[in-house]
Amino acid sequence: TLLPLTVSVAHDIIRRIIQSDEKQATED
């Protein structure tokens, strides 16, 4: 039960780190 929840939270954390307000990082 905890495995997919942990993977989802980790994915969201990584996406928030690489994404800026101008969304320039996601285009790189």
PDB file of all heavy atoms in Angstrom:
ATOM      1  N   THR A   1       0.825  -1.217   0.000  1.00  0.00           N
ATOM      2  CA  THR A   1       0.000   0.000   0.000  1.00  0.00           C
ATOM      3  C   THR A   1       0.853   1.259   0.000  1.00  0.00           C
ATOM      4  O   THR A   1       0.532   2.245  -0.688  1.00  0.00           O
ATOM      5  CB  THR A   1      -0.933  -0.009   1.216  1.00  0.00           C
ATOM      6  OG1 THR A   1      -1.722  -1.202   1.207  1.00  0.00           O
ATOM      7  CG2 THR A   1      -1.849   1.196   1.208  1.00  0.00           C
ATOM      8  N   LEU A   2       1.950   1.262   0.758  1.00  0.00           N
ATOM      9  CA  LEU A   2       2.778   2.460   0.875  1.00  0.00           C
ATOM     10  C   LEU A   2       3.675   2.682  -0.332  1.00  0.00           C
ATOM     11  O   LEU A   2       4.080   3.817  -0.593  1.00  0.00           O
ATOM     12  CB  LEU A   2       3.648   2.371   2.137  1.00  0.00           C
ATOM     13  CG  LEU A   2       2.923   2.498   3.471  1.00  0.00           C
ATOM     14  CD1 LEU A   2       3.922   2.365   4.618  1.00  0.00           C
ATOM     15  CD2 LEU A   2       2.195   3.831   3.572  1.00  0.00           C
ATOM     16  N   LEU A   3       4.002   1.617  -1.090  1.00  0.00           N
ATOM     17  CA  LEU A   3       4.948   1.766  -2.199  1.00  0.00           C
ATOM     18  C   LEU A   3       4.458   2.754  -3.265  1.00  0.00           C
ATOM     19  O   LEU A   3       5.176   3.703  -3.606  1.00  0.00           O
ATOM     20  CB  LEU A   3       5.239   0.394  -2.809  1.00  0.00           C
ATOM     21  CG  LEU A   3       6.212   0.390  -3.995  1.00  0.00           C
ATOM     22  CD1 LEU A   3       7.561   0.950  -3.591  1.00  0.00           C
ATOM     23  CD2 LEU A   3       6.359  -1.020  -4.556  1.00  0.00           C
ATOM     24  N   PRO A   4       3.254   2.601  -3.840  1.00  0.00           N
ATOM     25  CA  PRO A   4       2.835   3.586  -4.847  1.00  0.00           C
ATOM     26  C   PRO A   4       2.658   4.987  -4.286  1.00  0.00           C
ATOM     27  O   PRO A   4       2.915   5.976  -4.981  1.00  0.00           O
ATOM     28  CB  PRO A   4       1.509   3.008  -5.379  1.00  0.00           C
ATOM     29  CG  PRO A   4       1.040   2.082  -4.325  1.00  0.00           C
ATOM     30  CD  PRO A   4       2.254   1.529  -3.673  1.00  0.00           C
ATOM     31  N   LEU A   5       2.220   5.098  -3.019  1.00  0.00           N
ATOM     32  CA  LEU A   5       2.091   6.423  -2.419  1.00  0.00           C
ATOM     33  C   LEU A   5       3.444   7.099  -2.288  1.00  0.00           C
ATOM     34  O   LEU A   5       3.599   8.298  -2.569  1.00  0.00           O
ATOM     35  CB  LEU A   5       1.412   6.306  -1.053  1.00  0.00           C
ATOM     36  CG  LEU A   5      -0.017   5.746  -1.046  1.00  0.00           C
ATOM     37  CD1 LEU A   5      -0.534   5.635   0.370  1.00  0.00           C
ATOM     38  CD2 LEU A   5      -0.932   6.633  -1.872  1.00  0.00           C
ATOM     39  N   THR A   6       4.453   6.347  -1.876  1.00  0.00           N
ATOM     40  CA  THR A   6       5.800   6.915  -1.746  1.00  0.00           C
ATOM     41  C   THR A   6       6.365   7.330  -3.095  1.00  0.00           C
ATOM     42  O   THR A   6       6.973   8.399  -3.230  1.00  0.00           O
ATOM     43  CB  THR A   6       6.729   5.881  -1.074  1.00  0.00           C
ATOM     44  OG1 THR A   6       6.151   5.437   0.152  1.00  0.00           O
ATOM     45  CG2 THR A   6       8.086   6.489  -0.789  1.00  0.00           C
ATOM     46  N   VAL A   7       6.153   6.493  -4.111  1.00  0.00           N
ATOM     47  CA  VAL A   7       6.636   6.838  -5.450  1.00  0.00           C
ATOM     48  C   VAL A   7       5.943   8.098  -5.967  1.00  0.00           C
ATOM     49  O   VAL A   7       6.577   8.980  -6.570  1.00  0.00           O
ATOM     50  CB  VAL A   7       6.421   5.652  -6.410  1.00  0.00           C
ATOM     51  CG1 VAL A   7       6.727   6.053  -7.844  1.00  0.00           C
ATOM     52  CG2 VAL A   7       7.290   4.471  -6.000  1.00  0.00           C
ATOM     53  N   SER A   8       4.647   8.229  -5.719  1.00  0.00           N
ATOM     54  CA  SER A   8       3.916   9.413  -6.170  1.00  0.00           C
ATOM     55  C   SER A   8       4.409  10.677  -5.479  1.00  0.00           C
ATOM     56  O   SER A   8       4.601  11.722  -6.121  1.00  0.00           O
ATOM     57  CB  SER A   8       2.421   9.212  -5.912  1.00  0.00           C
ATOM     58  OG  SER A   8       1.692  10.354  -6.274  1.00  0.00           O
ATOM     59  N   VAL A   9       4.637  10.609  -4.176  1.00  0.00           N
ATOM     60  CA  VAL A   9       5.139  11.779  -3.447  1.00  0.00           C
ATOM     61  C   VAL A   9       6.541  12.156  -3.928  1.00  0.00           C
ATOM     62  O   VAL A   9       6.844  13.341  -4.123  1.00  0.00           O
ATOM     63  CB  VAL A   9       5.129  11.492  -1.929  1.00  0.00           C
ATOM     64  CG1 VAL A   9       5.851  12.587  -1.167  1.00  0.00           C
ATOM     65  CG2 VAL A   9       3.702  11.364  -1.428  1.00  0.00           C
ATOM     66  N   ALA A  10       7.399  11.166  -4.135  1.00  0.00           N
ATOM     67  CA  ALA A  10       8.753  11.449  -4.633  1.00  0.00           C
ATOM     68  C   ALA A  10       8.711  12.090  -6.016  1.00  0.00           C
ATOM     69  O   ALA A  10       9.472  13.023  -6.314  1.00  0.00           O
ATOM     70  CB  ALA A  10       9.576  10.162  -4.660  1.00  0.00           C
ATOM     71  N   HIS A  11       7.815  11.609  -6.874  1.00  0.00           N
ATOM     72  CA  HIS A  11       7.684  12.190  -8.219  1.00  0.00           C
ATOM     73  C   HIS A  11       7.242  13.650  -8.135  1.00  0.00           C
ATOM     74  O   HIS A  11       7.753  14.520  -8.860  1.00  0.00           O
ATOM     75  CB  HIS A  11       6.677  11.375  -9.025  1.00  0.00           C
ATOM     76  CG  HIS A  11       6.498  11.867 -10.425  1.00  0.00           C
ATOM     77  ND1 HIS A  11       5.557  12.812 -10.761  1.00  0.00           N
ATOM     78  CD2 HIS A  11       7.146  11.570 -11.579  1.00  0.00           C
ATOM     79  CE1 HIS A  11       5.626  13.079 -12.050  1.00  0.00           C
ATOM     80  NE2 HIS A  11       6.576  12.334 -12.568  1.00  0.00           N
ATOM     81  N   ASP A  12       6.310  13.947  -7.245  1.00  0.00           N
ATOM     82  CA  ASP A  12       5.836  15.329  -7.091  1.00  0.00           C
ATOM     83  C   ASP A  12       6.938  16.227  -6.553  1.00  0.00           C
ATOM     84  O   ASP A  12       7.086  17.386  -6.983  1.00  0.00           O
ATOM     85  CB  ASP A  12       4.622  15.355  -6.172  1.00  0.00           C
ATOM     86  CG  ASP A  12       3.843  16.649  -6.288  1.00  0.00           C
ATOM     87  OD1 ASP A  12       4.088  17.399  -7.253  1.00  0.00           O
ATOM     88  OD2 ASP A  12       2.989  16.924  -5.430  1.00  0.00           O
ATOM     89  N   ILE A  13       7.736  15.714  -5.616  1.00  0.00           N
ATOM     90  CA  ILE A  13       8.832  16.516  -5.060  1.00  0.00           C
ATOM     91  C   ILE A  13       9.864  16.837  -6.141  1.00  0.00           C
ATOM     92  O   ILE A  13      10.324  17.988  -6.270  1.00  0.00           O
ATOM     93  CB  ILE A  13       9.471  15.772  -3.874  1.00  0.00           C
ATOM     94  CG1 ILE A  13       8.503  15.724  -2.695  1.00  0.00           C
ATOM     95  CG2 ILE A  13      10.780  16.439  -3.462  1.00  0.00           C
ATOM     96  CD1 ILE A  13       9.000  14.894  -1.535  1.00  0.00           C
ATOM     97  N   ILE A  14      10.236  15.854  -6.931  1.00  0.00           N
ATOM     98  CA  ILE A  14      11.221  16.090  -7.991  1.00  0.00           C
ATOM     99  C   ILE A  14      10.674  17.074  -9.019  1.00  0.00           C
ATOM    100  O   ILE A  14      11.391  17.975  -9.496  1.00  0.00           O
ATOM    101  CB  ILE A  14      11.610  14.760  -8.645  1.00  0.00           C
ATOM    102  CG1 ILE A  14      12.359  13.875  -7.637  1.00  0.00           C
ATOM    103  CG2 ILE A  14      12.485  14.982  -9.878  1.00  0.00           C
ATOM    104  CD1 ILE A  14      12.658  12.493  -8.139  1.00  0.00           C
ATOM    105  N   ARG A  15       9.403  16.944  -9.368  1.00  0.00           N
ATOM    106  CA  ARG A  15       8.820  17.860 -10.345  1.00  0.00           C
ATOM    107  C   ARG A  15       8.785  19.287  -9.819  1.00  0.00           C
ATOM    108  O   ARG A  15       9.034  20.243 -10.557  1.00  0.00           O
ATOM    109  CB  ARG A  15       7.403  17.402 -10.696  1.00  0.00           C
ATOM    110  CG  ARG A  15       6.770  18.168 -11.831  1.00  0.00           C
ATOM    111  CD  ARG A  15       5.372  17.642 -12.106  1.00  0.00           C
ATOM    112  NE  ARG A  15       4.509  17.820 -10.958  1.00  0.00           N
ATOM    113  CZ  ARG A  15       3.858  18.958 -10.693  1.00  0.00           C
ATOM    114  NH1 ARG A  15       3.992  19.983 -11.497  1.00  0.00           N
ATOM    115  NH2 ARG A  15       3.084  19.045  -9.636  1.00  0.00           N
ATOM    116  N   ARG A  16       8.510  19.460  -8.520  1.00  0.00           N
ATOM    117  CA  ARG A  16       8.487  20.808  -7.943  1.00  0.00           C
ATOM    118  C   ARG A  16       9.874  21.416  -7.893  1.00  0.00           C
ATOM    119  O   ARG A  16      10.028  22.633  -8.026  1.00  0.00           O
ATOM    120  CB  ARG A  16       7.900  20.745  -6.537  1.00  0.00           C
ATOM    121  CG  ARG A  16       6.421  20.456  -6.480  1.00  0.00           C
ATOM    122  CD  ARG A  16       5.587  21.682  -6.754  1.00  0.00           C
ATOM    123  NE  ARG A  16       5.767  22.689  -5.718  1.00  0.00           N
ATOM    124  CZ  ARG A  16       5.161  23.864  -5.717  1.00  0.00           C
ATOM    125  NH1 ARG A  16       4.362  24.183  -6.720  1.00  0.00           N
ATOM    126  NH2 ARG A  16       5.355  24.733  -4.744  1.00  0.00           N
ATOM    127  N   ILE A  17      10.905  20.585  -7.721  1.00  0.00           N
ATOM    128  CA  ILE A  17      12.262  21.124  -7.656  1.00  0.00           C
ATOM    129  C   ILE A  17      12.723  21.585  -9.027  1.00  0.00           C
ATOM    130  O   ILE A  17      13.358  22.644  -9.169  1.00  0.00           O
ATOM    131  CB  ILE A  17      13.220  20.068  -7.069  1.00  0.00           C
ATOM    132  CG1 ILE A  17      12.923  19.857  -5.580  1.00  0.00           C
ATOM    133  CG2 ILE A  17      14.677  20.495  -7.255  1.00  0.00           C
ATOM    134  CD1 ILE A  17      13.755  18.785  -4.942  1.00  0.00           C
ATOM    135  N   ILE A  18      12.418  20.838 -10.080  1.00  0.00           N
ATOM    136  CA  ILE A  18      12.920  21.203 -11.406  1.00  0.00           C
ATOM    137  C   ILE A  18      12.039  22.234 -12.090  1.00  0.00           C
ATOM    138  O   ILE A  18      12.412  22.757 -13.134  1.00  0.00           O
ATOM    139  CB  ILE A  18      13.011  19.970 -12.318  1.00  0.00           C
ATOM    140  CG1 ILE A  18      11.621  19.440 -12.668  1.00  0.00           C
ATOM    141  CG2 ILE A  18      13.867  18.901 -11.695  1.00  0.00           C
ATOM    142  CD1 ILE A  18      11.625  18.370 -13.713  1.00  0.00           C
ATOM    143  N   GLN A  19      10.888  22.566 -11.532  1.00  0.00           N
ATOM    144  CA  GLN A  19       9.973  23.494 -12.184  1.00  0.00           C
ATOM    145  C   GLN A  19      10.023  24.841 -11.489  1.00  0.00           C
ATOM    146  O   GLN A  19       9.867  24.944 -10.279  1.00  0.00           O
ATOM    147  CB  GLN A  19       8.535  22.956 -12.143  1.00  0.00           C
ATOM    148  CG  GLN A  19       7.521  23.878 -12.801  1.00  0.00           C
ATOM    149  CD  GLN A  19       6.124  23.321 -12.755  1.00  0.00           C
ATOM    150  OE1 GLN A  19       5.926  22.201 -12.291  1.00  0.00           O
ATOM    151  NE2 GLN A  19       5.157  24.075 -13.209  1.00  0.00           N
ATOM    152  N   SER A  20      10.239  25.919 -12.272  1.00  0.00           N
ATOM    153  CA  SER A  20      10.237  27.280 -11.754  1.00  0.00           C
ATOM    154  C   SER A  20       8.896  27.931 -12.064  1.00  0.00           C
ATOM    155  O   SER A  20       8.043  27.387 -12.745  1.00  0.00           O
ATOM    156  CB  SER A  20      11.367  28.097 -12.385  1.00  0.00           C
ATOM    157  OG  SER A  20      11.195  28.186 -13.780  1.00  0.00           O
ATOM    158  N   ASP A  21       8.735  29.168 -11.578  1.00  0.00           N
ATOM    159  CA  ASP A  21       7.485  29.868 -11.833  1.00  0.00           C
ATOM    160  C   ASP A  21       7.295  30.175 -13.310  1.00  0.00           C
ATOM    161  O   ASP A  21       6.194  30.182 -13.824  1.00  0.00           O
ATOM    162  CB  ASP A  21       7.455  31.174 -11.028  1.00  0.00           C
ATOM    163  CG  ASP A  21       7.418  30.894  -9.532  1.00  0.00           C
ATOM    164  OD1 ASP A  21       6.979  29.789  -9.165  1.00  0.00           O
ATOM    165  OD2 ASP A  21       7.835  31.767  -8.761  1.00  0.00           O
ATOM    166  N   GLU A  22       8.401  30.470 -14.002  1.00  0.00           N
ATOM    167  CA  GLU A  22       8.308  30.749 -15.438  1.00  0.00           C
ATOM    168  C   GLU A  22       8.299  29.496 -16.285  1.00  0.00           C
ATOM    169  O   GLU A  22       8.195  29.579 -17.506  1.00  0.00           O
ATOM    170  CB  GLU A  22       9.485  31.635 -15.872  1.00  0.00           C
ATOM    171  CG  GLU A  22       9.512  32.994 -15.257  1.00  0.00           C
ATOM    172  CD  GLU A  22      10.078  32.975 -13.837  1.00  0.00           C
ATOM    173  OE1 GLU A  22      10.675  31.946 -13.477  1.00  0.00           O
ATOM    174  OE2 GLU A  22       9.910  33.952 -13.098  1.00  0.00           O
ATOM    175  N   LYS A  23       8.442  28.342 -15.662  1.00  0.00           N
ATOM    176  CA  LYS A  23       8.430  27.049 -16.351  1.00  0.00           C
ATOM    177  C   LYS A  23       9.541  26.957 -17.396  1.00  0.00           C
ATOM    178  O   LYS A  23       9.392  26.358 -18.447  1.00  0.00           O
ATOM    179  CB  LYS A  23       7.081  26.785 -17.000  1.00  0.00           C
ATOM    180  CG  LYS A  23       5.944  26.676 -15.994  1.00  0.00           C
ATOM    181  CD  LYS A  23       4.650  26.297 -16.675  1.00  0.00           C
ATOM    182  CE  LYS A  23       3.536  26.168 -15.638  1.00  0.00           C
ATOM    183  NZ  LYS A  23       2.254  25.790 -16.251  1.00  0.00           N
ATOM    184  N   GLN A  24      10.694  27.552 -17.041  1.00  0.00           N
ATOM    185  CA  GLN A  24      11.818  27.452 -17.958  1.00  0.00           C
ATOM    186  C   GLN A  24      12.553  26.131 -17.784  1.00  0.00           C
ATOM    187  O   GLN A  24      13.064  25.578 -18.741  1.00  0.00           O
ATOM    188  CB  GLN A  24      12.782  28.622 -17.730  1.00  0.00           C
ATOM    189  CG  GLN A  24      12.161  29.980 -18.045  1.00  0.00           C
ATOM    190  CD  GLN A  24      13.108  31.114 -17.725  1.00  0.00           C
ATOM    191  OE1 GLN A  24      14.167  30.912 -17.145  1.00  0.00           O
ATOM    192  NE2 GLN A  24      12.724  32.322 -18.097  1.00  0.00           N
ATOM    193  N   ALA A  25      12.577  25.641 -16.562  1.00  0.00           N
ATOM    194  CA  ALA A  25      13.336  24.417 -16.321  1.00  0.00           C
ATOM    195  C   ALA A  25      12.681  23.217 -16.988  1.00  0.00           C
ATOM    196  O   ALA A  25      13.361  22.332 -17.483  1.00  0.00           O
ATOM    197  CB  ALA A  25      13.478  24.169 -14.814  1.00  0.00           C
ATOM    198  N   THR A  26      11.344  23.187 -17.016  1.00  0.00           N
ATOM    199  CA  THR A  26      10.683  22.036 -17.608  1.00  0.00           C
ATOM    200  C   THR A  26      10.876  21.984 -19.119  1.00  0.00           C
ATOM    201  O   THR A  26      10.684  20.941 -19.726  1.00  0.00           O
ATOM    202  CB  THR A  26       9.186  22.081 -17.283  1.00  0.00           C
ATOM    203  OG1 THR A  26       8.650  23.345 -17.708  1.00  0.00           O
ATOM    204  CG2 THR A  26       8.965  21.934 -15.800  1.00  0.00           C
ATOM    205  N   GLU A  27      11.229  23.110 -19.752  1.00  0.00           N
ATOM    206  CA  GLU A  27      11.461  23.113 -21.181  1.00  0.00           C
ATOM    207  C   GLU A  27      12.877  22.701 -21.537  1.00  0.00           C
ATOM    208  O   GLU A  27      13.187  22.558 -22.723  1.00  0.00           O
ATOM    209  CB  GLU A  27      11.170  24.514 -21.746  1.00  0.00           C
ATOM    210  CG  GLU A  27       9.714  24.940 -21.548  1.00  0.00           C
ATOM    211  CD  GLU A  27       9.473  26.341 -22.044  1.00  0.00           C
ATOM    212  OE1 GLU A  27      10.456  26.951 -22.525  1.00  0.00           O
ATOM    213  OE2 GLU A  27       8.336  26.829 -21.964  1.00  0.00           O
ATOM    214  N   ASP A  28      13.743  22.540 -20.585  1.00  0.00           N
ATOM    215  CA  ASP A  28      15.114  22.137 -20.844  1.00  0.00           C
ATOM    216  C   ASP A  28      15.166  20.615 -20.929  1.00  0.00           C
ATOM    217  O   ASP A  28      14.921  19.925 -19.934  1.00  0.00           O
ATOM    218  CB  ASP A  28      16.024  22.646 -19.716  1.00  0.00           C
ATOM    219  CG  ASP A  28      17.494  22.466 -20.054  1.00  0.00           C
ATOM    220  OD1 ASP A  28      17.794  21.744 -21.024  1.00  0.00           O
ATOM    221  OD2 ASP A  28      18.337  23.050 -19.366  1.00  0.00           O
TER     222      ASP A  28
END
